[in-house]
Amino acid sequence: MENQAVQEFHVTYYDADCGRARAEVFDTLVEAERFASRQCTGEDSWAVVDAVTVEHVRIAA
């Protein structure tokens, strides 16, 4: 069995259309930051980018 750590980027943001906080996951920081910037369009808008390390376990056959 082999563990492999991968980093993902989670964007939590306020969706003004439905009035709820939502989240999306991206593979790169650039994509996450671009998405977060697009969500911040109004005075009440916000978005947070978190880097998350995820360990994937690969089982040998």
PDB file of N, CA and C in Angstrom:
ATOM      1  N   MET A   1       0.843  -1.177   0.000  1.00  0.00           N
ATOM      2  CA  MET A   1       0.000   0.000   0.000  1.00  0.00           C
ATOM      3  C   MET A   1       0.889   1.240   0.000  1.00  0.00           C
ATOM      4  N   GLU A   2       0.531   2.227  -0.791  1.00  0.00           N
ATOM      5  CA  GLU A   2       1.347   3.432  -0.938  1.00  0.00           C
ATOM      6  C   GLU A   2       0.464   4.657  -0.716  1.00  0.00           C
ATOM      7  N   ASN A   3       0.917   5.566   0.165  1.00  0.00           N
ATOM      8  CA  ASN A   3       0.199   6.823   0.400  1.00  0.00           C
ATOM      9  C   ASN A   3       0.780   7.895  -0.498  1.00  0.00           C
ATOM     10  N   GLN A   4      -0.096   8.703  -1.045  1.00  0.00           N
ATOM     11  CA  GLN A   4       0.345   9.776  -1.922  1.00  0.00           C
ATOM     12  C   GLN A   4      -0.430  11.030  -1.540  1.00  0.00           C
ATOM     13  N   ALA A   5       0.287  12.079  -1.118  1.00  0.00           N
ATOM     14  CA  ALA A   5      -0.355  13.325  -0.715  1.00  0.00           C
ATOM     15  C   ALA A   5      -0.505  14.246  -1.924  1.00  0.00           C
ATOM     16  N   VAL A   6      -1.684  14.817  -2.044  1.00  0.00           N
ATOM     17  CA  VAL A   6      -1.997  15.732  -3.137  1.00  0.00           C
ATOM     18  C   VAL A   6      -2.610  16.984  -2.524  1.00  0.00           C
ATOM     19  N   GLN A   7      -2.298  18.133  -3.089  1.00  0.00           N
ATOM     20  CA  GLN A   7      -2.886  19.371  -2.582  1.00  0.00           C
ATOM     21  C   GLN A   7      -4.019  19.814  -3.494  1.00  0.00           C
ATOM     22  N   GLU A   8      -5.162  20.144  -2.867  1.00  0.00           N
ATOM     23  CA  GLU A   8      -6.317  20.705  -3.572  1.00  0.00           C
ATOM     24  C   GLU A   8      -6.573  22.088  -2.999  1.00  0.00           C
ATOM     25  N   PHE A   9      -7.379  22.848  -3.706  1.00  0.00           N
ATOM     26  CA  PHE A   9      -7.708  24.196  -3.250  1.00  0.00           C
ATOM     27  C   PHE A   9      -9.215  24.326  -3.179  1.00  0.00           C
ATOM     28  N   HIS A  10      -9.728  24.562  -1.976  1.00  0.00           N
ATOM     29  CA  HIS A  10     -11.162  24.672  -1.741  1.00  0.00           C
ATOM     30  C   HIS A  10     -11.540  26.146  -1.675  1.00  0.00           C
ATOM     31  N   VAL A  11     -12.548  26.528  -2.437  1.00  0.00           N
ATOM     32  CA  VAL A  11     -13.056  27.894  -2.402  1.00  0.00           C
ATOM     33  C   VAL A  11     -14.450  27.854  -1.780  1.00  0.00           C
ATOM     34  N   THR A  12     -14.592  28.543  -0.660  1.00  0.00           N
ATOM     35  CA  THR A  12     -15.895  28.705  -0.023  1.00  0.00           C
ATOM     36  C   THR A  12     -16.326  30.133  -0.316  1.00  0.00           C
ATOM     37  N   TYR A  13     -17.559  30.296  -0.782  1.00  0.00           N
ATOM     38  CA  TYR A  13     -18.004  31.626  -1.200  1.00  0.00           C
ATOM     39  C   TYR A  13     -19.494  31.798  -0.945  1.00  0.00           C
ATOM     40  N   TYR A  14     -19.919  33.056  -0.931  1.00  0.00           N
ATOM     41  CA  TYR A  14     -21.330  33.387  -0.763  1.00  0.00           C
ATOM     42  C   TYR A  14     -21.974  33.506  -2.137  1.00  0.00           C
ATOM     43  N   ASP A  15     -22.993  32.688  -2.369  1.00  0.00           N
ATOM     44  CA  ASP A  15     -23.738  32.715  -3.625  1.00  0.00           C
ATOM     45  C   ASP A  15     -24.973  33.595  -3.422  1.00  0.00           C
ATOM     46  N   ALA A  16     -24.915  34.820  -3.923  1.00  0.00           N
ATOM     47  CA  ALA A  16     -25.999  35.788  -3.731  1.00  0.00           C
ATOM     48  C   ALA A  16     -27.287  35.349  -4.426  1.00  0.00           C
ATOM     49  N   ASP A  17     -27.200  34.542  -5.484  1.00  0.00           N
ATOM     50  CA  ASP A  17     -28.389  34.087  -6.193  1.00  0.00           C
ATOM     51  C   ASP A  17     -29.293  33.229  -5.314  1.00  0.00           C
ATOM     52  N   CYS A  18     -28.701  32.421  -4.442  1.00  0.00           N
ATOM     53  CA  CYS A  18     -29.525  31.560  -3.589  1.00  0.00           C
ATOM     54  C   CYS A  18     -29.401  31.923  -2.111  1.00  0.00           C
ATOM     55  N   GLY A  19     -28.525  32.871  -1.780  1.00  0.00           N
ATOM     56  CA  GLY A  19     -28.386  33.311  -0.402  1.00  0.00           C
ATOM     57  C   GLY A  19     -27.692  32.297   0.503  1.00  0.00           C
ATOM     58  N   ARG A  20     -26.807  31.457  -0.068  1.00  0.00           N
ATOM     59  CA  ARG A  20     -26.131  30.424   0.713  1.00  0.00           C
ATOM     60  C   ARG A  20     -24.625  30.443   0.483  1.00  0.00           C
ATOM     61  N   ALA A  21     -23.912  29.907   1.454  1.00  0.00           N
ATOM     62  CA  ALA A  21     -22.476  29.673   1.269  1.00  0.00           C
ATOM     63  C   ALA A  21     -22.329  28.369   0.491  1.00  0.00           C
ATOM     64  N   ARG A  22     -21.408  28.352  -0.449  1.00  0.00           N
ATOM     65  CA  ARG A  22     -21.161  27.173  -1.275  1.00  0.00           C
ATOM     66  C   ARG A  22     -19.665  26.906  -1.322  1.00  0.00           C
ATOM     67  N   ALA A  23     -19.286  25.765  -1.891  1.00  0.00           N
ATOM     68  CA  ALA A  23     -17.866  25.418  -1.989  1.00  0.00           C
ATOM     69  C   ALA A  23     -17.586  24.732  -3.316  1.00  0.00           C
ATOM     70  N   GLU A  24     -16.389  24.966  -3.828  1.00  0.00           N
ATOM     71  CA  GLU A  24     -15.896  24.328  -5.056  1.00  0.00           C
ATOM     72  C   GLU A  24     -14.466  23.869  -4.781  1.00  0.00           C
ATOM     73  N   VAL A  25     -14.019  22.844  -5.498  1.00  0.00           N
ATOM     74  CA  VAL A  25     -12.670  22.306  -5.336  1.00  0.00           C
ATOM     75  C   VAL A  25     -11.918  22.452  -6.656  1.00  0.00           C
ATOM     76  N   PHE A  26     -10.655  22.920  -6.576  1.00  0.00           N
ATOM     77  CA  PHE A  26      -9.821  23.134  -7.757  1.00  0.00           C
ATOM     78  C   PHE A  26      -8.474  22.450  -7.579  1.00  0.00           C
ATOM     79  N   ASP A  27      -7.860  22.115  -8.698  1.00  0.00           N
ATOM     80  CA  ASP A  27      -6.553  21.441  -8.688  1.00  0.00           C
ATOM     81  C   ASP A  27      -5.390  22.404  -8.514  1.00  0.00           C
ATOM     82  N   THR A  28      -5.572  23.665  -8.939  1.00  0.00           N
ATOM     83  CA  THR A  28      -4.472  24.624  -8.847  1.00  0.00           C
ATOM     84  C   THR A  28      -4.913  25.881  -8.106  1.00  0.00           C
ATOM     85  N   LEU A  29      -3.935  26.540  -7.500  1.00  0.00           N
ATOM     86  CA  LEU A  29      -4.210  27.786  -6.785  1.00  0.00           C
ATOM     87  C   LEU A  29      -4.671  28.876  -7.747  1.00  0.00           C
ATOM     88  N   VAL A  30      -4.097  28.919  -8.932  1.00  0.00           N
ATOM     89  CA  VAL A  30      -4.474  29.932  -9.931  1.00  0.00           C
ATOM     90  C   VAL A  30      -5.954  29.815 -10.279  1.00  0.00           C
ATOM     91  N   GLU A  31      -6.423  28.594 -10.531  1.00  0.00           N
ATOM     92  CA  GLU A  31      -7.845  28.389 -10.853  1.00  0.00           C
ATOM     93  C   GLU A  31      -8.729  28.792  -9.677  1.00  0.00           C
ATOM     94  N   ALA A  32      -8.315  28.419  -8.467  1.00  0.00           N
ATOM     95  CA  ALA A  32      -9.106  28.734  -7.272  1.00  0.00           C
ATOM     96  C   ALA A  32      -9.193  30.240  -7.054  1.00  0.00           C
ATOM     97  N   GLU A  33      -8.075  30.930  -7.194  1.00  0.00           N
ATOM     98  CA  GLU A  33      -8.079  32.382  -6.998  1.00  0.00           C
ATOM     99  C   GLU A  33      -8.889  33.097  -8.074  1.00  0.00           C
ATOM    100  N   ARG A  34      -8.798  32.612  -9.294  1.00  0.00           N
ATOM    101  CA  ARG A  34      -9.583  33.202 -10.388  1.00  0.00           C
ATOM    102  C   ARG A  34     -11.077  33.063 -10.107  1.00  0.00           C
ATOM    103  N   PHE A  35     -11.491  31.871  -9.682  1.00  0.00           N
ATOM    104  CA  PHE A  35     -12.893  31.626  -9.361  1.00  0.00           C
ATOM    105  C   PHE A  35     -13.338  32.510  -8.189  1.00  0.00           C
ATOM    106  N   ALA A  36     -12.509  32.571  -7.146  1.00  0.00           N
ATOM    107  CA  ALA A  36     -12.844  33.381  -5.969  1.00  0.00           C
ATOM    108  C   ALA A  36     -13.018  34.854  -6.347  1.00  0.00           C
ATOM    109  N   SER A  37     -12.155  35.354  -7.210  1.00  0.00           N
ATOM    110  CA  SER A  37     -12.255  36.752  -7.649  1.00  0.00           C
ATOM    111  C   SER A  37     -13.567  37.019  -8.368  1.00  0.00           C
ATOM    112  N   ARG A  38     -14.000  36.067  -9.181  1.00  0.00           N
ATOM    113  CA  ARG A  38     -15.261  36.237  -9.917  1.00  0.00           C
ATOM    114  C   ARG A  38     -16.475  36.217  -8.996  1.00  0.00           C
ATOM    115  N   GLN A  39     -16.348  35.605  -7.822  1.00  0.00           N
ATOM    116  CA  GLN A  39     -17.480  35.540  -6.895  1.00  0.00           C
ATOM    117  C   GLN A  39     -17.646  36.822  -6.093  1.00  0.00           C
ATOM    118  N   CYS A  40     -16.602  37.615  -6.006  1.00  0.00           N
ATOM    119  CA  CYS A  40     -16.642  38.855  -5.213  1.00  0.00           C
ATOM    120  C   CYS A  40     -17.057  40.023  -6.095  1.00  0.00           C
ATOM    121  N   THR A  41     -18.343  40.122  -6.339  1.00  0.00           N
ATOM    122  CA  THR A  41     -18.849  41.148  -7.250  1.00  0.00           C
ATOM    123  C   THR A  41     -19.607  42.264  -6.548  1.00  0.00           C
ATOM    124  N   GLY A  42     -20.079  42.012  -5.342  1.00  0.00           N
ATOM    125  CA  GLY A  42     -20.857  43.036  -4.653  1.00  0.00           C
ATOM    126  C   GLY A  42     -20.327  43.309  -3.262  1.00  0.00           C
ATOM    127  N   GLU A  43     -20.961  44.245  -2.615  1.00  0.00           N
ATOM    128  CA  GLU A  43     -20.544  44.659  -1.285  1.00  0.00           C
ATOM    129  C   GLU A  43     -20.637  43.521  -0.262  1.00  0.00           C
ATOM    130  N   ASP A  44     -21.641  42.659  -0.398  1.00  0.00           N
ATOM    131  CA  ASP A  44     -21.838  41.558   0.546  1.00  0.00           C
ATOM    132  C   ASP A  44     -21.179  40.256   0.101  1.00  0.00           C
ATOM    133  N   SER A  45     -20.503  40.266  -1.032  1.00  0.00           N
ATOM    134  CA  SER A  45     -19.868  39.050  -1.557  1.00  0.00           C
ATOM    135  C   SER A  45     -18.558  38.764  -0.838  1.00  0.00           C
ATOM    136  N   TRP A  46     -18.250  37.471  -0.709  1.00  0.00           N
ATOM    137  CA  TRP A  46     -16.970  37.070  -0.138  1.00  0.00           C
ATOM    138  C   TRP A  46     -16.585  35.694  -0.665  1.00  0.00           C
ATOM    139  N   ALA A  47     -15.301  35.400  -0.604  1.00  0.00           N
ATOM    140  CA  ALA A  47     -14.777  34.098  -1.005  1.00  0.00           C
ATOM    141  C   ALA A  47     -13.475  33.850  -0.256  1.00  0.00           C
ATOM    142  N   VAL A  48     -13.250  32.607   0.145  1.00  0.00           N
ATOM    143  CA  VAL A  48     -12.049  32.215   0.878  1.00  0.00           C
ATOM    144  C   VAL A  48     -11.434  31.017   0.157  1.00  0.00           C
ATOM    145  N   VAL A  49     -10.115  31.062  -0.051  1.00  0.00           N
ATOM    146  CA  VAL A  49      -9.395  29.952  -0.674  1.00  0.00           C
ATOM    147  C   VAL A  49      -8.574  29.250   0.409  1.00  0.00           C
ATOM    148  N   ASP A  50      -8.753  27.934   0.530  1.00  0.00           N
ATOM    149  CA  ASP A  50      -7.992  27.122   1.482  1.00  0.00           C
ATOM    150  C   ASP A  50      -7.210  26.052   0.733  1.00  0.00           C
ATOM    151  N   ALA A  51      -5.925  25.913   1.053  1.00  0.00           N
ATOM    152  CA  ALA A  51      -5.110  24.823   0.509  1.00  0.00           C
ATOM    153  C   ALA A  51      -5.301  23.623   1.434  1.00  0.00           C
ATOM    154  N   VAL A  52      -5.675  22.484   0.862  1.00  0.00           N
ATOM    155  CA  VAL A  52      -5.958  21.278   1.635  1.00  0.00           C
ATOM    156  C   VAL A  52      -5.097  20.138   1.108  1.00  0.00           C
ATOM    157  N   THR A  53      -4.373  19.486   2.003  1.00  0.00           N
ATOM    158  CA  THR A  53      -3.584  18.319   1.608  1.00  0.00           C
ATOM    159  C   THR A  53      -4.439  17.078   1.816  1.00  0.00           C
ATOM    160  N   VAL A  54      -4.583  16.304   0.760  1.00  0.00           N
ATOM    161  CA  VAL A  54      -5.407  15.092   0.777  1.00  0.00           C
ATOM    162  C   VAL A  54      -4.504  13.904   0.513  1.00  0.00           C
ATOM    163  N   GLU A  55      -4.606  12.915   1.370  1.00  0.00           N
ATOM    164  CA  GLU A  55      -3.809  11.707   1.175  1.00  0.00           C
ATOM    165  C   GLU A  55      -4.649  10.660   0.460  1.00  0.00           C
ATOM    166  N   HIS A  56      -4.170  10.247  -0.688  1.00  0.00           N
ATOM    167  CA  HIS A  56      -4.818   9.187  -1.453  1.00  0.00           C
ATOM    168  C   HIS A  56      -4.051   7.898  -1.182  1.00  0.00           C
ATOM    169  N   VAL A  57      -4.771   6.849  -0.890  1.00  0.00           N
ATOM    170  CA  VAL A  57      -4.132   5.564  -0.653  1.00  0.00           C
ATOM    171  C   VAL A  57      -4.270   4.713  -1.895  1.00  0.00           C
ATOM    172  N   ARG A  58      -3.133   4.227  -2.378  1.00  0.00           N
ATOM    173  CA  ARG A  58      -3.130   3.371  -3.563  1.00  0.00           C
ATOM    174  C   ARG A  58      -2.768   1.957  -3.121  1.00  0.00           C
ATOM    175  N   ILE A  59      -3.628   1.013  -3.416  1.00  0.00           N
ATOM    176  CA  ILE A  59      -3.418  -0.367  -3.014  1.00  0.00           C
ATOM    177  C   ILE A  59      -2.809  -1.148  -4.179  1.00  0.00           C
ATOM    178  N   ALA A  60      -1.704  -1.805  -3.920  1.00  0.00           N
ATOM    179  CA  ALA A  60      -1.033  -2.598  -4.961  1.00  0.00           C
ATOM    180  C   ALA A  60      -1.861  -3.851  -5.256  1.00  0.00           C
ATOM    181  N   ALA A  61      -1.901  -4.200  -6.521  1.00  0.00           N
ATOM    182  CA  ALA A  61      -2.686  -5.378  -6.912  1.00  0.00           C
ATOM    183  C   ALA A  61      -1.957  -6.651  -6.611  1.00  0.00           C
TER     184      ALA A  61
END
